[in-house]
Amino acid sequence: MPSLKDKFLEVEPCTNFDALQIVGEYIIEKTLELKQEACQQATSIFADLGLENFEPCMFIDEEFLEAYKNRDL
């Protein structure tokens, strides 16, 4: 995923994006990326325990993501 700086450099002058829109989009993309990574790892862990049809992603919220990001789990 491109860095925030790269995102700013990609913006064409005629697109009418402002800095807040660019930062907002970047935050959303990073949050979704982190949630997807956490969901995949959690699904794999539960599958290893024999719970192959369990979808932990419905239980992953911002608190879980923050703990995962900081590796406080």
N, C-alpha and C. Protein backbone atom coordinates (compact mmCIF):
# COMPACT_ATOMS: atom_id res chain seq x y z
N MET A 1 0.84 -1.17 0.00
CA MET A 1 0.00 0.00 0.00
C MET A 1 0.88 1.23 0.00
N PRO A 2 0.53 2.21 -0.82
CA PRO A 2 1.33 3.44 -0.86
C PRO A 2 1.27 4.20 0.47
N SER A 3 2.33 4.93 0.74
CA SER A 3 2.37 5.73 1.97
C SER A 3 1.47 6.95 1.80
N LEU A 4 1.24 7.65 2.90
CA LEU A 4 0.42 8.86 2.84
C LEU A 4 1.06 9.89 1.92
N LYS A 5 2.39 10.00 1.97
CA LYS A 5 3.10 10.92 1.09
C LYS A 5 2.84 10.56 -0.38
N ASP A 6 2.91 9.26 -0.69
CA ASP A 6 2.65 8.82 -2.06
C ASP A 6 1.23 9.19 -2.49
N LYS A 7 0.27 9.03 -1.56
CA LYS A 7 -1.11 9.40 -1.86
C LYS A 7 -1.22 10.87 -2.26
N PHE A 8 -0.53 11.73 -1.52
CA PHE A 8 -0.57 13.16 -1.84
C PHE A 8 0.07 13.43 -3.21
N LEU A 9 1.14 12.72 -3.51
CA LEU A 9 1.82 12.93 -4.79
C LEU A 9 1.01 12.42 -5.97
N GLU A 10 0.12 11.47 -5.74
CA GLU A 10 -0.71 10.91 -6.81
C GLU A 10 -1.86 11.82 -7.22
N VAL A 11 -2.22 12.77 -6.37
CA VAL A 11 -3.39 13.61 -6.63
C VAL A 11 -3.10 14.58 -7.76
N GLU A 12 -3.98 14.55 -8.74
CA GLU A 12 -3.89 15.49 -9.86
C GLU A 12 -4.52 16.82 -9.44
N PRO A 13 -3.99 17.94 -9.89
CA PRO A 13 -4.51 19.24 -9.47
C PRO A 13 -5.99 19.45 -9.80
N CYS A 14 -6.49 18.81 -10.85
CA CYS A 14 -7.87 19.06 -11.27
C CYS A 14 -8.88 18.15 -10.57
N THR A 15 -8.47 17.30 -9.64
CA THR A 15 -9.40 16.37 -9.01
C THR A 15 -10.19 16.98 -7.87
N ASN A 16 -9.79 18.13 -7.38
CA ASN A 16 -10.48 18.84 -6.30
C ASN A 16 -10.47 18.10 -4.96
N PHE A 17 -9.51 17.19 -4.76
CA PHE A 17 -9.35 16.56 -3.45
C PHE A 17 -8.63 17.52 -2.53
N ASP A 18 -9.08 17.58 -1.27
CA ASP A 18 -8.33 18.37 -0.31
C ASP A 18 -7.58 17.41 0.63
N ALA A 19 -6.73 17.97 1.45
CA ALA A 19 -5.87 17.16 2.32
C ALA A 19 -6.69 16.27 3.25
N LEU A 20 -7.79 16.78 3.76
CA LEU A 20 -8.61 16.00 4.69
C LEU A 20 -9.21 14.77 3.99
N GLN A 21 -9.63 14.92 2.76
CA GLN A 21 -10.18 13.78 2.02
C GLN A 21 -9.10 12.72 1.78
N ILE A 22 -7.92 13.16 1.45
CA ILE A 22 -6.82 12.23 1.20
C ILE A 22 -6.45 11.48 2.47
N VAL A 23 -6.35 12.19 3.59
CA VAL A 23 -6.01 11.56 4.87
C VAL A 23 -7.14 10.61 5.29
N GLY A 24 -8.37 11.02 5.12
CA GLY A 24 -9.52 10.17 5.47
C GLY A 24 -9.52 8.88 4.68
N GLU A 25 -9.28 8.98 3.39
CA GLU A 25 -9.22 7.79 2.53
C GLU A 25 -8.09 6.87 2.97
N TYR A 26 -6.95 7.45 3.29
CA TYR A 26 -5.78 6.67 3.73
C TYR A 26 -6.10 5.92 5.03
N ILE A 27 -6.73 6.59 5.97
CA ILE A 27 -7.07 5.98 7.26
C ILE A 27 -8.04 4.82 7.05
N ILE A 28 -9.03 5.02 6.21
CA ILE A 28 -10.00 3.96 5.93
C ILE A 28 -9.31 2.76 5.29
N GLU A 29 -8.45 3.00 4.32
CA GLU A 29 -7.74 1.90 3.66
C GLU A 29 -6.86 1.13 4.64
N LYS A 30 -6.13 1.84 5.50
CA LYS A 30 -5.26 1.18 6.47
C LYS A 30 -6.08 0.38 7.50
N THR A 31 -7.21 0.93 7.92
CA THR A 31 -8.07 0.23 8.88
C THR A 31 -8.61 -1.05 8.27
N LEU A 32 -9.07 -0.97 7.04
CA LEU A 32 -9.59 -2.16 6.37
C LEU A 32 -8.49 -3.19 6.14
N GLU A 33 -7.31 -2.73 5.79
CA GLU A 33 -6.17 -3.63 5.60
C GLU A 33 -5.83 -4.36 6.90
N LEU A 34 -5.80 -3.62 8.00
CA LEU A 34 -5.50 -4.21 9.30
C LEU A 34 -6.59 -5.17 9.73
N LYS A 35 -7.85 -4.81 9.52
CA LYS A 35 -8.95 -5.69 9.89
C LYS A 35 -8.89 -6.98 9.07
N GLN A 36 -8.61 -6.87 7.78
CA GLN A 36 -8.53 -8.05 6.94
C GLN A 36 -7.41 -8.98 7.41
N GLU A 37 -6.26 -8.40 7.73
CA GLU A 37 -5.13 -9.20 8.22
C GLU A 37 -5.49 -9.91 9.52
N ALA A 38 -6.11 -9.17 10.44
CA ALA A 38 -6.50 -9.75 11.73
C ALA A 38 -7.54 -10.84 11.53
N CYS A 39 -8.49 -10.64 10.64
CA CYS A 39 -9.53 -11.63 10.38
C CYS A 39 -8.93 -12.90 9.79
N GLN A 40 -8.02 -12.74 8.86
CA GLN A 40 -7.40 -13.91 8.25
C GLN A 40 -6.61 -14.72 9.27
N GLN A 41 -5.87 -14.05 10.12
CA GLN A 41 -5.09 -14.77 11.14
C GLN A 41 -6.01 -15.43 12.16
N ALA A 42 -7.05 -14.74 12.57
CA ALA A 42 -7.98 -15.31 13.54
C ALA A 42 -8.71 -16.51 12.93
N THR A 43 -9.14 -16.40 11.69
CA THR A 43 -9.81 -17.51 11.01
C THR A 43 -8.89 -18.71 10.93
N SER A 44 -7.63 -18.47 10.63
CA SER A 44 -6.65 -19.56 10.56
C SER A 44 -6.45 -20.22 11.92
N ILE A 45 -6.39 -19.44 12.95
CA ILE A 45 -6.22 -19.98 14.31
C ILE A 45 -7.41 -20.85 14.68
N PHE A 46 -8.63 -20.36 14.42
CA PHE A 46 -9.82 -21.13 14.75
C PHE A 46 -9.92 -22.39 13.89
N ALA A 47 -9.50 -22.31 12.64
CA ALA A 47 -9.50 -23.49 11.77
C ALA A 47 -8.54 -24.54 12.31
N ASP A 48 -7.39 -24.10 12.81
CA ASP A 48 -6.43 -25.03 13.40
C ASP A 48 -7.00 -25.72 14.64
N LEU A 49 -7.95 -25.05 15.31
CA LEU A 49 -8.59 -25.62 16.49
C LEU A 49 -9.80 -26.47 16.13
N GLY A 50 -10.08 -26.59 14.82
CA GLY A 50 -11.21 -27.41 14.37
C GLY A 50 -12.50 -26.64 14.17
N LEU A 51 -12.48 -25.33 14.28
CA LEU A 51 -13.68 -24.51 14.08
C LEU A 51 -13.62 -23.85 12.70
N GLU A 52 -13.76 -24.67 11.67
CA GLU A 52 -13.56 -24.17 10.31
C GLU A 52 -14.69 -23.28 9.81
N ASN A 53 -15.88 -23.40 10.37
CA ASN A 53 -17.01 -22.59 9.90
C ASN A 53 -17.24 -21.36 10.78
N PHE A 54 -16.34 -21.11 11.69
CA PHE A 54 -16.48 -19.96 12.59
C PHE A 54 -15.88 -18.73 11.92
N GLU A 55 -16.63 -17.64 11.89
CA GLU A 55 -16.15 -16.40 11.29
C GLU A 55 -15.94 -15.35 12.38
N PRO A 56 -14.72 -15.21 12.86
CA PRO A 56 -14.46 -14.27 13.96
C PRO A 56 -14.55 -12.80 13.54
N CYS A 57 -14.58 -12.54 12.26
CA CYS A 57 -14.55 -11.15 11.79
C CYS A 57 -15.75 -10.34 12.26
N MET A 58 -16.85 -11.00 12.54
CA MET A 58 -18.00 -10.23 13.01
C MET A 58 -17.79 -9.71 14.43
N PHE A 59 -16.78 -10.26 15.12
CA PHE A 59 -16.49 -9.84 16.49
C PHE A 59 -15.31 -8.87 16.58
N ILE A 60 -14.63 -8.64 15.48
CA ILE A 60 -13.45 -7.78 15.50
C ILE A 60 -13.89 -6.32 15.39
N ASP A 61 -13.61 -5.55 16.44
CA ASP A 61 -13.97 -4.13 16.46
C ASP A 61 -12.72 -3.27 16.60
N GLU A 62 -12.90 -1.97 16.77
CA GLU A 62 -11.76 -1.06 16.85
C GLU A 62 -10.85 -1.36 18.03
N GLU A 63 -11.42 -1.79 19.15
CA GLU A 63 -10.60 -2.11 20.32
C GLU A 63 -9.68 -3.30 20.02
N PHE A 64 -10.23 -4.31 19.35
CA PHE A 64 -9.43 -5.47 18.96
C PHE A 64 -8.34 -5.05 17.98
N LEU A 65 -8.69 -4.21 17.01
CA LEU A 65 -7.72 -3.78 16.02
C LEU A 65 -6.58 -3.00 16.66
N GLU A 66 -6.91 -2.16 17.62
CA GLU A 66 -5.88 -1.38 18.31
C GLU A 66 -4.94 -2.31 19.08
N ALA A 67 -5.52 -3.29 19.76
CA ALA A 67 -4.69 -4.25 20.50
C ALA A 67 -3.83 -5.06 19.55
N TYR A 68 -4.41 -5.44 18.42
CA TYR A 68 -3.65 -6.21 17.42
C TYR A 68 -2.52 -5.37 16.85
N LYS A 69 -2.80 -4.12 16.55
CA LYS A 69 -1.77 -3.23 15.99
C LYS A 69 -0.62 -3.10 16.95
N ASN A 70 -0.91 -3.00 18.23
CA ASN A 70 0.12 -2.86 19.25
C ASN A 70 0.65 -4.20 19.73
N ARG A 71 0.10 -5.27 19.18
CA ARG A 71 0.47 -6.64 19.55
C ARG A 71 0.30 -6.89 21.04
N ASP A 72 -0.81 -6.35 21.59
CA ASP A 72 -1.13 -6.53 23.01
C ASP A 72 -2.07 -7.70 23.25
N LEU A 73 -2.23 -8.56 22.27
CA LEU A 73 -3.17 -9.69 22.43
C LEU A 73 -2.53 -10.82 23.19
